[in-house]
């Protein structure tokens, strides 16, 4: 359950840096609700918030169903367009048995995966990453272990989800060590960190889908 949730939600990034940080979308606080469907498991609702806390940002994802629950929370700051992790907390349980983890700044040589999700959605499309020339991505998982992915950006598309119809920035991520697994994510181009939908496939078979069911921006107008 934890591995599939990781692949579906707590995505990746932090590798190729844009030459012109002024072209990156500015972060904006929001709250979103998602529906998570995992093959062989009951559906779950996920709450995802991005909040501004003084000099840093907080990205928080949590879910709960009858037999399992999980939460990931990352505090990070932005400096000259780059995203830097400060503190990463996570906890998971299945049938009441689980564990909690915490990574401090010194434990994160690259970036944690919650901050990476935000960073990827913000940078994708600025580095010229294509299917024939993908970009490398390095981040750490909840235990501080290095993860290596590649990604490329597809043609702009439209995501039609229960929350509405949105322009989408579509990104494909491939596990560098397991190329038969990939994650297709539709991000909103103007709201860094906001997932519109995501699909995780293994050996050509869909394992997990994520769709946004509700979106509440902290601004007066929704995108």
Protein backbone atom coordinates (compact mmCIF):
# COMPACT_ATOMS: atom_id res chain seq x y z
CA UNK A 1 0.00 0.00 0.00
CA UNK A 2 2.73 2.45 0.97
CA UNK A 3 4.78 1.73 -2.16
CA UNK A 4 1.80 2.23 -4.47
CA UNK A 5 0.77 5.41 -2.71
CA UNK A 6 4.31 6.70 -3.06
CA UNK A 7 4.34 6.03 -6.78
CA UNK A 8 0.94 7.59 -7.29
CA UNK A 9 1.28 10.73 -5.23
CA UNK A 10 4.58 11.64 -3.74
CA UNK A 11 6.22 12.16 -7.07
CA UNK A 12 9.62 13.56 -7.92
CA UNK A 13 11.98 16.34 -9.00
CA UNK A 14 14.82 18.72 -8.39
CA UNK A 15 17.25 17.93 -11.14
CA UNK A 16 17.50 20.17 -14.17
CA UNK A 17 17.31 23.81 -13.14
CA UNK A 18 15.70 26.47 -15.31
CA UNK A 19 18.03 29.13 -16.61
CA UNK A 20 15.43 31.83 -16.12
CA UNK A 21 13.68 31.53 -12.75
CA UNK A 22 11.47 34.50 -13.64
CA UNK A 23 9.60 32.18 -16.04
CA UNK A 24 8.56 29.88 -13.19
CA UNK A 25 5.03 30.20 -11.86
CA UNK A 26 4.80 31.78 -8.42
CA UNK A 27 3.54 29.48 -5.64
CA UNK A 28 0.00 30.12 -4.40
CA UNK A 29 -1.71 28.57 -1.37
CA UNK A 30 -4.51 26.10 -2.04
CA UNK A 31 -6.45 23.12 -0.75
CA UNK A 32 -7.40 20.24 -3.02
CA UNK A 33 -9.30 17.01 -2.58
CA UNK A 34 -8.45 13.91 -4.61
CA UNK A 35 -9.97 10.48 -5.14
CA UNK A 36 -7.37 7.71 -5.01
CA UNK A 37 -8.17 4.37 -6.64
CA UNK A 38 -5.65 1.59 -6.04
CA UNK A 39 -6.11 -1.75 -7.76
CA UNK A 40 -7.32 -4.28 -5.20
CA UNK A 41 -8.01 -1.72 -2.48
CA UNK A 42 -11.00 0.44 -1.52
CA UNK A 43 -10.98 4.00 -2.80
CA UNK A 44 -9.65 6.76 -0.57
CA UNK A 45 -10.03 10.52 -0.34
CA UNK A 46 -6.86 12.59 -0.10
CA UNK A 47 -6.46 16.14 1.17
CA UNK A 48 -3.59 18.17 -0.26
CA UNK A 49 -2.75 21.65 1.01
CA UNK A 50 -0.03 24.15 0.17
CA UNK A 51 0.32 26.94 2.72
CA UNK A 52 2.71 29.84 3.18
CA UNK A 53 4.30 30.03 6.62
CA UNK A 54 6.51 33.09 6.89
CA UNK A 55 9.75 32.42 5.03
CA UNK A 56 8.85 28.89 3.96
CA UNK A 57 6.08 26.80 2.39
CA UNK A 58 4.33 23.71 3.73
CA UNK A 59 3.02 20.94 1.46
CA UNK A 60 0.79 18.40 3.22
CA UNK A 61 -0.89 15.26 1.86
CA UNK A 62 -2.99 12.89 3.96
CA UNK A 63 -5.41 10.03 3.36
CA UNK A 64 -7.44 7.61 5.44
CA UNK A 65 -9.58 4.56 4.72
CA UNK A 66 -10.92 1.80 6.96
CA UNK A 67 -7.69 -0.23 7.01
CA UNK A 68 -4.94 2.26 6.24
CA UNK A 69 -3.88 5.87 6.66
CA UNK A 70 -0.92 7.98 5.67
CA UNK A 71 0.48 11.49 5.79
CA UNK A 72 3.43 13.32 4.27
CA UNK A 73 4.44 16.87 5.14
CA UNK A 74 7.31 18.93 3.76
CA UNK A 75 8.59 22.33 4.78
CA UNK A 76 10.72 23.98 2.12
CA UNK A 77 11.86 27.39 0.95
CA UNK A 78 12.54 28.93 -2.45
CA UNK A 79 15.80 30.75 -3.14
CA UNK A 80 16.45 32.28 -6.59
CA UNK A 81 13.92 29.90 -8.08
CA UNK A 82 15.42 26.77 -6.48
CA UNK A 83 13.49 24.64 -3.98
CA UNK A 84 15.28 23.55 -0.78
CA UNK A 85 13.93 21.07 1.80
CA UNK A 86 13.91 22.08 5.47
CA UNK A 87 11.96 19.33 7.25
CA UNK A 88 10.07 16.25 6.09
CA UNK A 89 7.66 14.20 8.19
CA UNK A 90 5.69 11.11 7.19
CA UNK A 91 3.64 8.40 8.83
CA UNK A 92 1.83 5.29 7.58
CA UNK A 93 -0.22 2.53 9.11
CA UNK A 94 -1.98 -0.58 7.83
CA UNK A 95 -4.48 -2.39 10.06
CA UNK A 96 -3.24 -0.22 12.92
CA UNK A 97 0.43 -1.13 12.44
CA UNK A 98 2.82 1.43 11.03
CA UNK A 99 5.65 3.83 11.62
CA UNK A 100 6.62 7.50 11.51
CA UNK A 101 9.67 9.13 9.95
CA UNK A 102 11.37 12.51 10.09
CA UNK A 103 14.14 13.90 7.92
CA UNK A 104 15.95 17.11 8.82
CA UNK A 105 17.66 19.36 6.34
CA UNK A 106 21.00 17.59 6.81
CA UNK A 107 19.34 14.24 6.01
CA UNK A 108 18.19 15.40 2.57
CA UNK A 109 21.08 15.71 0.10
CA UNK A 110 18.82 16.48 -2.85
CA UNK A 111 15.15 17.18 -2.03
CA UNK A 112 12.33 15.29 -0.34
CA UNK A 113 9.54 13.90 -2.48
CA UNK A 114 6.81 16.28 -1.29
CA UNK A 115 8.94 19.31 -2.11
CA UNK A 116 9.97 17.52 -5.30
CA UNK A 117 6.33 17.24 -6.36
CA UNK A 118 5.98 21.00 -6.04
CA UNK A 119 9.30 21.65 -7.78
CA UNK A 120 8.59 19.31 -10.69
CA UNK A 121 5.20 20.86 -11.40
CA UNK A 122 6.84 24.29 -11.40
CA UNK A 123 9.87 23.48 -13.56
CA UNK A 124 8.46 20.98 -16.05
CA UNK A 125 8.47 22.50 -19.51
CA UNK A 126 11.32 24.94 -18.87
CA UNK A 127 14.27 22.56 -19.38
CA UNK A 128 13.41 21.03 -22.75
CA UNK A 129 12.96 17.48 -21.42
CA UNK A 130 11.57 15.24 -24.18
CA UNK A 131 10.86 11.53 -24.57
CA UNK A 132 14.05 11.10 -26.64
CA UNK A 133 16.04 13.30 -24.25
CA UNK A 134 14.52 13.00 -20.76
CA UNK A 135 15.76 14.83 -17.67
CA UNK A 136 17.15 13.05 -14.62
CA UNK A 137 15.54 13.52 -11.22
CA UNK A 138 16.96 12.76 -7.79
CA UNK A 139 15.07 12.91 -4.48
CA UNK A 140 14.80 10.99 -1.23
CA UNK A 141 11.92 8.84 -0.01
CA UNK A 142 10.43 8.82 3.50
CA UNK A 143 13.40 6.83 4.85
CA UNK A 144 15.98 9.13 3.29
CA UNK A 145 16.90 6.65 0.54
CA UNK A 146 17.90 8.05 -2.83
CA UNK A 147 15.42 7.67 -5.68
CA UNK A 148 16.29 8.18 -9.34
CA UNK A 149 13.73 8.91 -12.04
CA UNK A 150 13.62 10.44 -15.49
CA UNK A 151 10.88 12.63 -16.85
CA UNK A 152 9.73 14.32 -20.02
CA UNK A 153 6.95 16.74 -20.88
CA UNK A 154 4.16 15.82 -23.30
CA UNK A 155 2.09 18.14 -25.43
CA UNK A 156 -0.24 20.49 -23.49
CA UNK A 157 -3.63 18.91 -22.92
CA UNK A 158 -6.93 19.40 -21.13
CA UNK A 159 -7.76 17.53 -17.93
CA UNK A 160 -11.44 16.82 -17.32
CA UNK A 161 -11.90 15.80 -13.70
CA UNK A 162 -14.79 15.97 -11.18
CA UNK A 163 -13.49 19.37 -10.01
CA UNK A 164 -13.83 20.83 -13.52
CA UNK A 165 -12.00 21.24 -16.81
CA UNK A 166 -8.49 22.69 -16.75
CA UNK A 167 -5.54 23.31 -19.04
CA UNK A 168 -2.89 20.79 -18.06
CA UNK A 169 0.88 20.41 -18.14
CA UNK A 170 1.38 16.69 -18.72
CA UNK A 171 4.52 14.99 -17.40
CA UNK A 172 5.64 11.36 -17.71
CA UNK A 173 7.97 9.94 -15.04
CA UNK A 174 9.90 6.69 -15.46
CA UNK A 175 11.66 4.76 -12.72
CA UNK A 176 15.29 4.63 -13.89
CA UNK A 177 15.75 1.17 -12.31
CA UNK A 178 12.35 -0.22 -13.35
CA UNK A 179 11.53 1.20 -16.81
CA UNK A 180 8.36 -0.92 -17.05
CA UNK A 181 6.79 1.41 -14.49
CA UNK A 182 5.75 4.95 -15.23
CA UNK A 183 3.61 7.71 -13.81
CA UNK A 184 1.62 10.14 -15.97
CA UNK A 185 0.70 13.35 -14.15
CA UNK A 186 -1.41 16.30 -15.26
CA UNK A 187 -0.36 19.43 -13.36
CA UNK A 188 -2.08 22.79 -13.43
CA UNK A 189 0.36 25.12 -15.25
CA UNK A 190 -0.32 28.15 -13.03
CA UNK A 191 -0.60 26.55 -9.57
CA UNK A 192 2.66 24.81 -8.62
CA UNK A 193 2.04 21.56 -6.76
CA UNK A 194 -1.59 21.21 -7.87
CA UNK A 195 -2.27 17.79 -9.40
CA UNK A 196 -5.26 17.52 -11.72
CA UNK A 197 -4.94 13.77 -12.31
CA UNK A 198 -2.34 11.01 -12.25
CA UNK A 199 -2.10 7.43 -13.48
CA UNK A 200 0.49 4.86 -12.39
CA UNK A 201 1.13 1.84 -14.64
CA UNK A 202 3.24 -1.26 -14.07
CA UNK A 203 4.07 -3.64 -16.91
CA UNK A 204 1.44 -1.94 -19.05
CA UNK A 205 -1.31 -2.41 -16.48
CA UNK A 206 -2.93 0.46 -14.63
CA UNK A 207 -2.39 0.16 -10.90
CA UNK A 208 -3.43 3.52 -9.47
CA UNK A 209 -5.40 6.57 -10.53
CA UNK A 210 -5.74 9.93 -8.84
CA UNK A 211 -8.31 12.58 -9.79
CA UNK A 212 -8.99 15.99 -8.30
CA UNK A 213 -12.53 16.22 -6.96
CA UNK A 214 -12.42 19.65 -5.33
CA UNK A 215 -10.19 22.71 -5.52
CA UNK A 216 -10.20 25.69 -3.18
CA UNK A 217 -7.65 28.41 -3.98
CA UNK A 218 -6.60 30.80 -1.27
CA UNK A 219 -7.00 33.64 -3.78
CA UNK A 220 -10.23 35.34 -4.81
CA UNK A 221 -10.37 33.72 -8.23
CA UNK A 222 -9.87 30.11 -9.20
CA UNK A 223 -7.71 29.42 -12.28
